[in-house]
């Protein structure tokens, strides 16, 4: 078991995105460009931008705390997504907060106690 106070992965965020018709490539470019901003966030342990097909995308990221998750949401990518959501997305981003149960990262893995 991992001590929750010391774990780098405790909280998570899953964001489902559906691109407007003809905007899939624009959403992909937006997500790819977000990596540089996320690299500046010390409390974002891991960040994934994924594409499931023509119009379906998601962001999955992990944090050591709620404070890290909130800082990420208020950061550059979150702000830019909010500003461009109407242009790029069919519906607003669907966000789900999550508690990490177990994880594996290079050099770090474990189960997190609630």
PDB file of N, CA and C in Angstrom:
ATOM      1  N   UNK A   1       0.823  -1.180   0.000  1.00  0.00           N
ATOM      2  CA  UNK A   1       0.000   0.000   0.000  1.00  0.00           C
ATOM      3  C   UNK A   1       0.873   1.252   0.000  1.00  0.00           C
ATOM      4  N   UNK A   2       0.366   2.314  -0.565  1.00  0.00           N
ATOM      5  CA  UNK A   2       1.091   3.567  -0.669  1.00  0.00           C
ATOM      6  C   UNK A   2       0.496   4.568   0.315  1.00  0.00           C
ATOM      7  N   UNK A   3       1.345   5.273   1.022  1.00  0.00           N
ATOM      8  CA  UNK A   3       0.903   6.337   1.908  1.00  0.00           C
ATOM      9  C   UNK A   3       0.320   7.457   1.042  1.00  0.00           C
ATOM     10  N   UNK A   4      -0.927   7.757   1.249  1.00  0.00           N
ATOM     11  CA  UNK A   4      -1.606   8.756   0.440  1.00  0.00           C
ATOM     12  C   UNK A   4      -0.913  10.112   0.491  1.00  0.00           C
ATOM     13  N   UNK A   5      -0.327  10.455   1.610  1.00  0.00           N
ATOM     14  CA  UNK A   5       0.345  11.740   1.745  1.00  0.00           C
ATOM     15  C   UNK A   5       1.602  11.826   0.874  1.00  0.00           C
ATOM     16  N   UNK A   6       2.203  10.693   0.529  1.00  0.00           N
ATOM     17  CA  UNK A   6       3.438  10.689  -0.243  1.00  0.00           C
ATOM     18  C   UNK A   6       3.237  10.249  -1.685  1.00  0.00           C
ATOM     19  N   UNK A   7       2.077   9.740  -2.024  1.00  0.00           N
ATOM     20  CA  UNK A   7       1.837   9.225  -3.372  1.00  0.00           C
ATOM     21  C   UNK A   7       1.790  10.363  -4.385  1.00  0.00           C
ATOM     22  N   UNK A   8       2.395  10.142  -5.538  1.00  0.00           N
ATOM     23  CA  UNK A   8       2.347  11.136  -6.606  1.00  0.00           C
ATOM     24  C   UNK A   8       1.084  10.988  -7.451  1.00  0.00           C
ATOM     25  N   UNK A   9       0.364   9.902  -7.234  1.00  0.00           N
ATOM     26  CA  UNK A   9      -0.853   9.623  -7.990  1.00  0.00           C
ATOM     27  C   UNK A   9      -1.951   9.269  -6.995  1.00  0.00           C
ATOM     28  N   UNK A  10      -2.819  10.222  -6.729  1.00  0.00           N
ATOM     29  CA  UNK A  10      -3.918  10.008  -5.788  1.00  0.00           C
ATOM     30  C   UNK A  10      -5.253  10.365  -6.436  1.00  0.00           C
ATOM     31  N   UNK A  11      -5.286  11.479  -7.127  1.00  0.00           N
ATOM     32  CA  UNK A  11      -6.495  11.981  -7.768  1.00  0.00           C
ATOM     33  C   UNK A  11      -6.336  11.901  -9.279  1.00  0.00           C
ATOM     34  N   UNK A  12      -7.464  11.834  -9.974  1.00  0.00           N
ATOM     35  CA  UNK A  12      -7.428  11.772 -11.433  1.00  0.00           C
ATOM     36  C   UNK A  12      -8.567  12.609 -12.008  1.00  0.00           C
ATOM     37  N   UNK A  13      -8.459  12.864 -13.290  1.00  0.00           N
ATOM     38  CA  UNK A  13      -9.474  13.594 -14.025  1.00  0.00           C
ATOM     39  C   UNK A  13      -9.616  12.937 -15.387  1.00  0.00           C
ATOM     40  N   UNK A  14     -10.860  12.647 -15.780  1.00  0.00           N
ATOM     41  CA  UNK A  14     -11.142  12.109 -17.101  1.00  0.00           C
ATOM     42  C   UNK A  14     -12.052  13.091 -17.811  1.00  0.00           C
ATOM     43  N   UNK A  15     -11.640  13.547 -18.983  1.00  0.00           N
ATOM     44  CA  UNK A  15     -12.411  14.516 -19.751  1.00  0.00           C
ATOM     45  C   UNK A  15     -12.715  13.918 -21.117  1.00  0.00           C
ATOM     46  N   UNK A  16     -13.985  13.744 -21.395  1.00  0.00           N
ATOM     47  CA  UNK A  16     -14.434  13.217 -22.681  1.00  0.00           C
ATOM     48  C   UNK A  16     -14.765  14.388 -23.603  1.00  0.00           C
ATOM     49  N   UNK A  17     -14.263  14.307 -24.847  1.00  0.00           N
ATOM     50  CA  UNK A  17     -14.453  15.385 -25.818  1.00  0.00           C
ATOM     51  C   UNK A  17     -15.008  14.813 -27.122  1.00  0.00           C
ATOM     52  N   UNK A  18     -16.015  15.454 -27.679  1.00  0.00           N
ATOM     53  CA  UNK A  18     -16.553  15.074 -28.980  1.00  0.00           C
ATOM     54  C   UNK A  18     -16.422  16.270 -29.912  1.00  0.00           C
ATOM     55  N   UNK A  19     -15.619  16.107 -30.952  1.00  0.00           N
ATOM     56  CA  UNK A  19     -15.376  17.197 -31.892  1.00  0.00           C
ATOM     57  C   UNK A  19     -16.612  17.463 -32.741  1.00  0.00           C
ATOM     58  N   UNK A  20     -16.800  18.704 -33.125  1.00  0.00           N
ATOM     59  CA  UNK A  20     -17.832  19.051 -34.106  1.00  0.00           C
ATOM     60  C   UNK A  20     -17.468  18.378 -35.432  1.00  0.00           C
ATOM     61  N   UNK A  21     -18.452  18.184 -36.287  1.00  0.00           N
ATOM     62  CA  UNK A  21     -18.184  17.649 -37.621  1.00  0.00           C
ATOM     63  C   UNK A  21     -17.124  18.492 -38.308  1.00  0.00           C
ATOM     64  N   UNK A  22     -16.112  17.845 -38.851  1.00  0.00           N
ATOM     65  CA  UNK A  22     -15.045  18.535 -39.561  1.00  0.00           C
ATOM     66  C   UNK A  22     -13.989  19.169 -38.675  1.00  0.00           C
ATOM     67  N   UNK A  23     -14.099  19.005 -37.359  1.00  0.00           N
ATOM     68  CA  UNK A  23     -13.148  19.639 -36.446  1.00  0.00           C
ATOM     69  C   UNK A  23     -12.213  18.639 -35.753  1.00  0.00           C
ATOM     70  N   UNK A  24     -12.264  17.372 -36.145  1.00  0.00           N
ATOM     71  CA  UNK A  24     -11.427  16.362 -35.502  1.00  0.00           C
ATOM     72  C   UNK A  24      -9.944  16.680 -35.560  1.00  0.00           C
ATOM     73  N   UNK A  25      -9.476  17.124 -36.707  1.00  0.00           N
ATOM     74  CA  UNK A  25      -8.055  17.446 -36.842  1.00  0.00           C
ATOM     75  C   UNK A  25      -7.685  18.660 -35.995  1.00  0.00           C
ATOM     76  N   UNK A  26      -8.612  19.600 -35.873  1.00  0.00           N
ATOM     77  CA  UNK A  26      -8.362  20.780 -35.046  1.00  0.00           C
ATOM     78  C   UNK A  26      -8.291  20.408 -33.565  1.00  0.00           C
ATOM     79  N   UNK A  27      -9.158  19.508 -33.118  1.00  0.00           N
ATOM     80  CA  UNK A  27      -9.123  19.060 -31.731  1.00  0.00           C
ATOM     81  C   UNK A  27      -7.813  18.314 -31.474  1.00  0.00           C
ATOM     82  N   UNK A  28      -7.414  17.455 -32.404  1.00  0.00           N
ATOM     83  CA  UNK A  28      -6.151  16.745 -32.240  1.00  0.00           C
ATOM     84  C   UNK A  28      -4.984  17.734 -32.138  1.00  0.00           C
ATOM     85  N   UNK A  29      -4.939  18.721 -33.000  1.00  0.00           N
ATOM     86  CA  UNK A  29      -3.866  19.714 -32.963  1.00  0.00           C
ATOM     87  C   UNK A  29      -3.891  20.484 -31.636  1.00  0.00           C
ATOM     88  N   UNK A  30      -5.081  20.821 -31.167  1.00  0.00           N
ATOM     89  CA  UNK A  30      -5.205  21.520 -29.887  1.00  0.00           C
ATOM     90  C   UNK A  30      -4.631  20.674 -28.753  1.00  0.00           C
ATOM     91  N   UNK A  31      -4.996  19.407 -28.706  1.00  0.00           N
ATOM     92  CA  UNK A  31      -4.518  18.525 -27.646  1.00  0.00           C
ATOM     93  C   UNK A  31      -3.005  18.332 -27.725  1.00  0.00           C
ATOM     94  N   UNK A  32      -2.494  18.125 -28.915  1.00  0.00           N
ATOM     95  CA  UNK A  32      -1.044  17.978 -29.068  1.00  0.00           C
ATOM     96  C   UNK A  32      -0.306  19.227 -28.583  1.00  0.00           C
ATOM     97  N   UNK A  33      -0.848  20.393 -28.885  1.00  0.00           N
ATOM     98  CA  UNK A  33      -0.195  21.639 -28.478  1.00  0.00           C
ATOM     99  C   UNK A  33      -0.264  21.855 -26.967  1.00  0.00           C
ATOM    100  N   UNK A  34      -1.191  21.190 -26.289  1.00  0.00           N
ATOM    101  CA  UNK A  34      -1.335  21.340 -24.848  1.00  0.00           C
ATOM    102  C   UNK A  34      -0.211  20.727 -24.040  1.00  0.00           C
ATOM    103  N   UNK A  35       0.545  19.822 -24.618  1.00  0.00           N
ATOM    104  CA  UNK A  35       1.612  19.148 -23.877  1.00  0.00           C
ATOM    105  C   UNK A  35       2.616  20.137 -23.295  1.00  0.00           C
ATOM    106  N   UNK A  36       3.017  21.126 -24.050  1.00  0.00           N
ATOM    107  CA  UNK A  36       4.017  22.088 -23.566  1.00  0.00           C
ATOM    108  C   UNK A  36       3.537  22.788 -22.296  1.00  0.00           C
ATOM    109  N   UNK A  37       2.267  23.161 -22.250  1.00  0.00           N
ATOM    110  CA  UNK A  37       1.726  23.826 -21.063  1.00  0.00           C
ATOM    111  C   UNK A  37       1.657  22.875 -19.879  1.00  0.00           C
ATOM    112  N   UNK A  38       1.256  21.638 -20.121  1.00  0.00           N
ATOM    113  CA  UNK A  38       1.135  20.662 -19.032  1.00  0.00           C
ATOM    114  C   UNK A  38       2.503  20.325 -18.446  1.00  0.00           C
ATOM    115  N   UNK A  39       3.536  20.330 -19.253  1.00  0.00           N
ATOM    116  CA  UNK A  39       4.886  20.069 -18.756  1.00  0.00           C
ATOM    117  C   UNK A  39       5.336  21.104 -17.724  1.00  0.00           C
ATOM    118  N   UNK A  40       4.722  22.261 -17.718  1.00  0.00           N
ATOM    119  CA  UNK A  40       5.042  23.316 -16.757  1.00  0.00           C
ATOM    120  C   UNK A  40       4.324  23.143 -15.421  1.00  0.00           C
ATOM    121  N   UNK A  41       3.401  22.187 -15.321  1.00  0.00           N
ATOM    122  CA  UNK A  41       2.587  22.003 -14.119  1.00  0.00           C
ATOM    123  C   UNK A  41       3.241  20.979 -13.185  1.00  0.00           C
ATOM    124  N   UNK A  42       3.806  21.422 -12.085  1.00  0.00           N
ATOM    125  CA  UNK A  42       4.515  20.491 -11.203  1.00  0.00           C
ATOM    126  C   UNK A  42       3.606  19.445 -10.539  1.00  0.00           C
ATOM    127  N   UNK A  43       2.324  19.754 -10.381  1.00  0.00           N
ATOM    128  CA  UNK A  43       1.427  18.812  -9.711  1.00  0.00           C
ATOM    129  C   UNK A  43       0.594  17.965 -10.675  1.00  0.00           C
ATOM    130  N   UNK A  44       0.937  17.985 -11.954  1.00  0.00           N
ATOM    131  CA  UNK A  44       0.317  17.049 -12.896  1.00  0.00           C
ATOM    132  C   UNK A  44       1.311  15.908 -13.078  1.00  0.00           C
ATOM    133  N   UNK A  45       1.003  14.777 -12.428  1.00  0.00           N
ATOM    134  CA  UNK A  45       1.923  13.632 -12.438  1.00  0.00           C
ATOM    135  C   UNK A  45       1.969  12.969 -13.807  1.00  0.00           C
ATOM    136  N   UNK A  46       0.797  12.748 -14.388  1.00  0.00           N
ATOM    137  CA  UNK A  46       0.741  12.159 -15.730  1.00  0.00           C
ATOM    138  C   UNK A  46      -0.403  12.806 -16.500  1.00  0.00           C
ATOM    139  N   UNK A  47      -0.252  12.867 -17.814  1.00  0.00           N
ATOM    140  CA  UNK A  47      -1.245  13.515 -18.679  1.00  0.00           C
ATOM    141  C   UNK A  47      -1.280  12.761 -19.999  1.00  0.00           C
ATOM    142  N   UNK A  48      -2.469  12.397 -20.414  1.00  0.00           N
ATOM    143  CA  UNK A  48      -2.647  11.674 -21.674  1.00  0.00           C
ATOM    144  C   UNK A  48      -3.735  12.355 -22.479  1.00  0.00           C
ATOM    145  N   UNK A  49      -3.461  12.616 -23.733  1.00  0.00           N
ATOM    146  CA  UNK A  49      -4.462  13.081 -24.680  1.00  0.00           C
ATOM    147  C   UNK A  49      -4.613  11.959 -25.698  1.00  0.00           C
ATOM    148  N   UNK A  50      -5.835  11.451 -25.859  1.00  0.00           N
ATOM    149  CA  UNK A  50      -6.042  10.292 -26.719  1.00  0.00           C
ATOM    150  C   UNK A  50      -7.188  10.536 -27.708  1.00  0.00           C
ATOM    151  N   UNK A  51      -7.112   9.806 -28.814  1.00  0.00           N
ATOM    152  CA  UNK A  51      -8.143   9.865 -29.848  1.00  0.00           C
ATOM    153  C   UNK A  51      -8.696   8.469 -30.047  1.00  0.00           C
ATOM    154  N   UNK A  52     -10.015   8.370 -30.063  1.00  0.00           N
ATOM    155  CA  UNK A  52     -10.676   7.078 -30.217  1.00  0.00           C
ATOM    156  C   UNK A  52     -11.235   6.870 -31.619  1.00  0.00           C
ATOM    157  N   UNK A  53     -11.111   7.821 -32.468  1.00  0.00           N
ATOM    158  CA  UNK A  53     -11.649   7.714 -33.816  1.00  0.00           C
ATOM    159  C   UNK A  53     -11.765   9.103 -34.403  1.00  0.00           C
ATOM    160  N   UNK A  54     -12.655   9.259 -35.344  1.00  0.00           N
ATOM    161  CA  UNK A  54     -12.790  10.519 -36.045  1.00  0.00           C
ATOM    162  C   UNK A  54     -13.108  11.716 -35.175  1.00  0.00           C
ATOM    163  N   UNK A  55     -14.060  11.561 -34.234  1.00  0.00           N
ATOM    164  CA  UNK A  55     -14.531  12.721 -33.462  1.00  0.00           C
ATOM    165  C   UNK A  55     -14.414  12.551 -31.955  1.00  0.00           C
ATOM    166  N   UNK A  56     -14.024  11.392 -31.464  1.00  0.00           N
ATOM    167  CA  UNK A  56     -14.008  11.120 -30.030  1.00  0.00           C
ATOM    168  C   UNK A  56     -12.592  11.185 -29.457  1.00  0.00           C
ATOM    169  N   UNK A  57     -12.443  12.020 -28.422  1.00  0.00           N
ATOM    170  CA  UNK A  57     -11.164  12.260 -27.772  1.00  0.00           C
ATOM    171  C   UNK A  57     -11.348  12.203 -26.261  1.00  0.00           C
ATOM    172  N   UNK A  58     -10.236  12.130 -25.547  1.00  0.00           N
ATOM    173  CA  UNK A  58     -10.291  12.225 -24.093  1.00  0.00           C
ATOM    174  C   UNK A  58      -8.948  12.721 -23.577  1.00  0.00           C
ATOM    175  N   UNK A  59      -9.023  13.274 -22.378  1.00  0.00           N
ATOM    176  CA  UNK A  59      -7.830  13.632 -21.616  1.00  0.00           C
ATOM    177  C   UNK A  59      -7.933  12.875 -20.303  1.00  0.00           C
ATOM    178  N   UNK A  60      -6.838  12.232 -19.915  1.00  0.00           N
ATOM    179  CA  UNK A  60      -6.775  11.562 -18.614  1.00  0.00           C
ATOM    180  C   UNK A  60      -5.508  12.030 -17.937  1.00  0.00           C
ATOM    181  N   UNK A  61      -5.638  12.525 -16.721  1.00  0.00           N
ATOM    182  CA  UNK A  61      -4.464  12.974 -16.002  1.00  0.00           C
ATOM    183  C   UNK A  61      -4.557  12.620 -14.533  1.00  0.00           C
ATOM    184  N   UNK A  62      -3.392  12.600 -13.866  1.00  0.00           N
ATOM    185  CA  UNK A  62      -3.331  12.231 -12.450  1.00  0.00           C
ATOM    186  C   UNK A  62      -2.554  13.283 -11.673  1.00  0.00           C
ATOM    187  N   UNK A  63      -2.858  13.322 -10.361  1.00  0.00           N
ATOM    188  CA  UNK A  63      -2.331  14.368  -9.494  1.00  0.00           C
ATOM    189  C   UNK A  63      -2.091  13.812  -8.094  1.00  0.00           C
ATOM    190  N   UNK A  64      -1.225  14.455  -7.310  1.00  0.00           N
ATOM    191  CA  UNK A  64      -0.998  14.009  -5.940  1.00  0.00           C
ATOM    192  C   UNK A  64      -2.088  14.468  -4.975  1.00  0.00           C
ATOM    193  N   UNK A  65      -2.944  15.419  -5.401  1.00  0.00           N
ATOM    194  CA  UNK A  65      -3.947  15.974  -4.492  1.00  0.00           C
ATOM    195  C   UNK A  65      -5.052  16.685  -5.268  1.00  0.00           C
ATOM    196  N   UNK A  66      -6.108  17.035  -4.537  1.00  0.00           N
ATOM    197  CA  UNK A  66      -7.172  17.854  -5.138  1.00  0.00           C
ATOM    198  C   UNK A  66      -6.627  19.213  -5.569  1.00  0.00           C
ATOM    199  N   UNK A  67      -5.710  19.767  -4.783  1.00  0.00           N
ATOM    200  CA  UNK A  67      -5.134  21.067  -5.124  1.00  0.00           C
ATOM    201  C   UNK A  67      -4.430  21.015  -6.482  1.00  0.00           C
ATOM    202  N   UNK A  68      -3.709  19.934  -6.755  1.00  0.00           N
ATOM    203  CA  UNK A  68      -3.057  19.775  -8.050  1.00  0.00           C
ATOM    204  C   UNK A  68      -4.052  19.682  -9.187  1.00  0.00           C
ATOM    205  N   UNK A  69      -5.132  18.942  -8.938  1.00  0.00           N
ATOM    206  CA  UNK A  69      -6.176  18.808  -9.966  1.00  0.00           C
ATOM    207  C   UNK A  69      -6.816  20.166 -10.237  1.00  0.00           C
ATOM    208  N   UNK A  70      -7.125  20.933  -9.195  1.00  0.00           N
ATOM    209  CA  UNK A  70      -7.740  22.244  -9.367  1.00  0.00           C
ATOM    210  C   UNK A  70      -6.790  23.214 -10.064  1.00  0.00           C
ATOM    211  N   UNK A  71      -5.510  23.146  -9.744  1.00  0.00           N
ATOM    212  CA  UNK A  71      -4.525  24.003 -10.415  1.00  0.00           C
ATOM    213  C   UNK A  71      -4.457  23.673 -11.900  1.00  0.00           C
ATOM    214  N   UNK A  72      -4.533  22.398 -12.229  1.00  0.00           N
ATOM    215  CA  UNK A  72      -4.517  21.985 -13.632  1.00  0.00           C
ATOM    216  C   UNK A  72      -5.737  22.527 -14.368  1.00  0.00           C
ATOM    217  N   UNK A  73      -6.896  22.399 -13.761  1.00  0.00           N
ATOM    218  CA  UNK A  73      -8.122  22.890 -14.403  1.00  0.00           C
ATOM    219  C   UNK A  73      -8.081  24.397 -14.641  1.00  0.00           C
ATOM    220  N   UNK A  74      -7.426  25.118 -13.756  1.00  0.00           N
ATOM    221  CA  UNK A  74      -7.305  26.563 -13.895  1.00  0.00           C
ATOM    222  C   UNK A  74      -6.109  26.973 -14.750  1.00  0.00           C
ATOM    223  N   UNK A  75      -5.319  25.992 -15.193  1.00  0.00           N
ATOM    224  CA  UNK A  75      -4.112  26.259 -15.962  1.00  0.00           C
ATOM    225  C   UNK A  75      -4.368  26.605 -17.416  1.00  0.00           C
ATOM    226  N   UNK A  76      -3.293  26.636 -18.177  1.00  0.00           N
ATOM    227  CA  UNK A  76      -3.342  27.073 -19.574  1.00  0.00           C
ATOM    228  C   UNK A  76      -4.230  26.190 -20.460  1.00  0.00           C
ATOM    229  N   UNK A  77      -4.117  24.880 -20.329  1.00  0.00           N
ATOM    230  CA  UNK A  77      -4.895  23.986 -21.190  1.00  0.00           C
ATOM    231  C   UNK A  77      -6.383  24.081 -20.848  1.00  0.00           C
ATOM    232  N   UNK A  78      -6.701  24.062 -19.556  1.00  0.00           N
ATOM    233  CA  UNK A  78      -8.096  24.175 -19.150  1.00  0.00           C
ATOM    234  C   UNK A  78      -8.720  25.477 -19.613  1.00  0.00           C
ATOM    235  N   UNK A  79      -7.995  26.560 -19.462  1.00  0.00           N
ATOM    236  CA  UNK A  79      -8.494  27.872 -19.889  1.00  0.00           C
ATOM    237  C   UNK A  79      -8.658  27.938 -21.402  1.00  0.00           C
ATOM    238  N   UNK A  80      -7.688  27.413 -22.131  1.00  0.00           N
ATOM    239  CA  UNK A  80      -7.766  27.422 -23.593  1.00  0.00           C
ATOM    240  C   UNK A  80      -8.907  26.541 -24.087  1.00  0.00           C
ATOM    241  N   UNK A  81      -9.116  25.397 -23.432  1.00  0.00           N
ATOM    242  CA  UNK A  81     -10.217  24.519 -23.835  1.00  0.00           C
ATOM    243  C   UNK A  81     -11.559  25.199 -23.589  1.00  0.00           C
ATOM    244  N   UNK A  82     -11.697  25.853 -22.457  1.00  0.00           N
ATOM    245  CA  UNK A  82     -12.943  26.563 -22.169  1.00  0.00           C
ATOM    246  C   UNK A  82     -13.203  27.650 -23.214  1.00  0.00           C
ATOM    247  N   UNK A  83     -12.153  28.357 -23.625  1.00  0.00           N
ATOM    248  CA  UNK A  83     -12.287  29.440 -24.591  1.00  0.00           C
ATOM    249  C   UNK A  83     -12.656  28.937 -25.987  1.00  0.00           C
ATOM    250  N   UNK A  84     -12.210  27.721 -26.332  1.00  0.00           N
ATOM    251  CA  UNK A  84     -12.432  27.200 -27.690  1.00  0.00           C
ATOM    252  C   UNK A  84     -13.484  26.107 -27.778  1.00  0.00           C
ATOM    253  N   UNK A  85     -14.105  25.768 -26.668  1.00  0.00           N
ATOM    254  CA  UNK A  85     -15.049  24.648 -26.640  1.00  0.00           C
ATOM    255  C   UNK A  85     -16.182  24.818 -27.652  1.00  0.00           C
ATOM    256  N   UNK A  86     -16.785  25.974 -27.724  1.00  0.00           N
ATOM    257  CA  UNK A  86     -17.910  26.195 -28.646  1.00  0.00           C
ATOM    258  C   UNK A  86     -17.476  26.021 -30.098  1.00  0.00           C
ATOM    259  N   UNK A  87     -16.283  26.470 -30.414  1.00  0.00           N
ATOM    260  CA  UNK A  87     -15.750  26.354 -31.776  1.00  0.00           C
ATOM    261  C   UNK A  87     -15.424  24.908 -32.144  1.00  0.00           C
ATOM    262  N   UNK A  88     -14.815  24.166 -31.220  1.00  0.00           N
ATOM    263  CA  UNK A  88     -14.271  22.846 -31.530  1.00  0.00           C
ATOM    264  C   UNK A  88     -15.175  21.674 -31.191  1.00  0.00           C
ATOM    265  N   UNK A  89     -16.022  21.803 -30.168  1.00  0.00           N
ATOM    266  CA  UNK A  89     -16.714  20.631 -29.613  1.00  0.00           C
ATOM    267  C   UNK A  89     -18.214  20.628 -29.866  1.00  0.00           C
ATOM    268  N   UNK A  90     -18.734  19.438 -30.065  1.00  0.00           N
ATOM    269  CA  UNK A  90     -20.173  19.236 -30.272  1.00  0.00           C
ATOM    270  C   UNK A  90     -20.962  19.581 -29.007  1.00  0.00           C
ATOM    271  N   UNK A  91     -20.445  19.159 -27.876  1.00  0.00           N
ATOM    272  CA  UNK A  91     -21.052  19.433 -26.567  1.00  0.00           C
ATOM    273  C   UNK A  91     -19.933  19.878 -25.626  1.00  0.00           C
ATOM    274  N   UNK A  92     -20.262  20.523 -24.505  1.00  0.00           N
ATOM    275  CA  UNK A  92     -19.206  20.902 -23.562  1.00  0.00           C
ATOM    276  C   UNK A  92     -18.410  19.677 -23.100  1.00  0.00           C
ATOM    277  N   UNK A  93     -17.146  19.873 -22.711  1.00  0.00           N
ATOM    278  CA  UNK A  93     -16.346  18.756 -22.208  1.00  0.00           C
ATOM    279  C   UNK A  93     -17.060  18.062 -21.041  1.00  0.00           C
ATOM    280  N   UNK A  94     -17.040  16.743 -21.050  1.00  0.00           N
ATOM    281  CA  UNK A  94     -17.660  15.961 -19.981  1.00  0.00           C
ATOM    282  C   UNK A  94     -16.557  15.543 -19.013  1.00  0.00           C
ATOM    283  N   UNK A  95     -16.527  16.147 -17.822  1.00  0.00           N
ATOM    284  CA  UNK A  95     -15.445  15.916 -16.867  1.00  0.00           C
ATOM    285  C   UNK A  95     -15.904  15.050 -15.705  1.00  0.00           C
ATOM    286  N   UNK A  96     -15.018  14.128 -15.317  1.00  0.00           N
ATOM    287  CA  UNK A  96     -15.263  13.277 -14.156  1.00  0.00           C
ATOM    288  C   UNK A  96     -14.022  13.273 -13.276  1.00  0.00           C
ATOM    289  N   UNK A  97     -14.204  13.657 -12.012  1.00  0.00           N
ATOM    290  CA  UNK A  97     -13.134  13.524 -11.027  1.00  0.00           C
ATOM    291  C   UNK A  97     -13.072  12.068 -10.590  1.00  0.00           C
ATOM    292  N   UNK A  98     -11.893  11.592 -10.251  1.00  0.00           N
ATOM    293  CA  UNK A  98     -11.752  10.192  -9.834  1.00  0.00           C
ATOM    294  C   UNK A  98     -10.705  10.064  -8.731  1.00  0.00           C
ATOM    295  N   UNK A  99     -10.837   9.009  -7.973  1.00  0.00           N
ATOM    296  CA  UNK A  99      -9.866   8.611  -6.954  1.00  0.00           C
ATOM    297  C   UNK A  99      -9.050   7.459  -7.539  1.00  0.00           C
ATOM    298  N   UNK A 100      -7.746   7.571  -7.540  1.00  0.00           N
ATOM    299  CA  UNK A 100      -6.888   6.504  -8.043  1.00  0.00           C
ATOM    300  C   UNK A 100      -6.855   5.378  -7.017  1.00  0.00           C
ATOM    301  N   UNK A 101      -7.042   4.151  -7.479  1.00  0.00           N
ATOM    302  CA  UNK A 101      -6.992   2.970  -6.616  1.00  0.00           C
ATOM    303  C   UNK A 101      -5.626   2.297  -6.650  1.00  0.00           C
ATOM    304  N   UNK A 102      -5.047   2.217  -7.842  1.00  0.00           N
ATOM    305  CA  UNK A 102      -3.728   1.602  -8.016  1.00  0.00           C
ATOM    306  C   UNK A 102      -3.115   2.192  -9.287  1.00  0.00           C
ATOM    307  N   UNK A 103      -1.802   2.180  -9.348  1.00  0.00           N
ATOM    308  CA  UNK A 103      -1.139   2.765 -10.503  1.00  0.00           C
ATOM    309  C   UNK A 103       0.232   2.137 -10.729  1.00  0.00           C
ATOM    310  N   UNK A 104       0.747   2.317 -11.948  1.00  0.00           N
ATOM    311  CA  UNK A 104       2.095   1.897 -12.308  1.00  0.00           C
ATOM    312  C   UNK A 104       2.686   2.984 -13.197  1.00  0.00           C
ATOM    313  N   UNK A 105       3.779   3.534 -12.743  1.00  0.00           N
ATOM    314  CA  UNK A 105       4.544   4.515 -13.497  1.00  0.00           C
ATOM    315  C   UNK A 105       5.999   4.060 -13.489  1.00  0.00           C
ATOM    316  N   UNK A 106       6.820   4.538 -14.401  1.00  0.00           N
ATOM    317  CA  UNK A 106       8.233   4.175 -14.341  1.00  0.00           C
ATOM    318  C   UNK A 106       8.827   4.561 -12.983  1.00  0.00           C
ATOM    319  N   UNK A 107       9.325   3.610 -12.264  1.00  0.00           N
ATOM    320  CA  UNK A 107       9.943   3.857 -10.974  1.00  0.00           C
ATOM    321  C   UNK A 107       9.003   4.054  -9.814  1.00  0.00           C
ATOM    322  N   UNK A 108       7.702   3.914 -10.018  1.00  0.00           N
ATOM    323  CA  UNK A 108       6.736   4.153  -8.948  1.00  0.00           C
ATOM    324  C   UNK A 108       5.450   3.386  -9.245  1.00  0.00           C
ATOM    325  N   UNK A 109       4.956   2.655  -8.258  1.00  0.00           N
ATOM    326  CA  UNK A 109       3.686   1.966  -8.418  1.00  0.00           C
ATOM    327  C   UNK A 109       3.123   1.682  -7.044  1.00  0.00           C
ATOM    328  N   UNK A 110       1.844   1.348  -7.004  1.00  0.00           N
ATOM    329  CA  UNK A 110       1.245   1.001  -5.717  1.00  0.00           C
ATOM    330  C   UNK A 110      -0.252   1.124  -5.717  1.00  0.00           C
ATOM    331  N   UNK A 111      -0.823   0.836  -4.574  1.00  0.00           N
ATOM    332  CA  UNK A 111      -2.242   1.005  -4.332  1.00  0.00           C
ATOM    333  C   UNK A 111      -2.409   2.196  -3.408  1.00  0.00           C
ATOM    334  N   UNK A 112      -3.453   2.960  -3.628  1.00  0.00           N
ATOM    335  CA  UNK A 112      -3.693   4.162  -2.839  1.00  0.00           C
ATOM    336  C   UNK A 112      -4.871   3.917  -1.914  1.00  0.00           C
ATOM    337  N   UNK A 113      -4.660   4.171  -0.637  1.00  0.00           N
ATOM    338  CA  UNK A 113      -5.731   4.042   0.346  1.00  0.00           C
ATOM    339  C   UNK A 113      -6.596   5.298   0.309  1.00  0.00           C
ATOM    340  N   UNK A 114      -7.886   5.115   0.377  1.00  0.00           N
ATOM    341  CA  UNK A 114      -8.815   6.263   0.347  1.00  0.00           C
ATOM    342  C   UNK A 114      -8.702   7.083   1.608  1.00  0.00           C
TER     343      UNK A 114
END
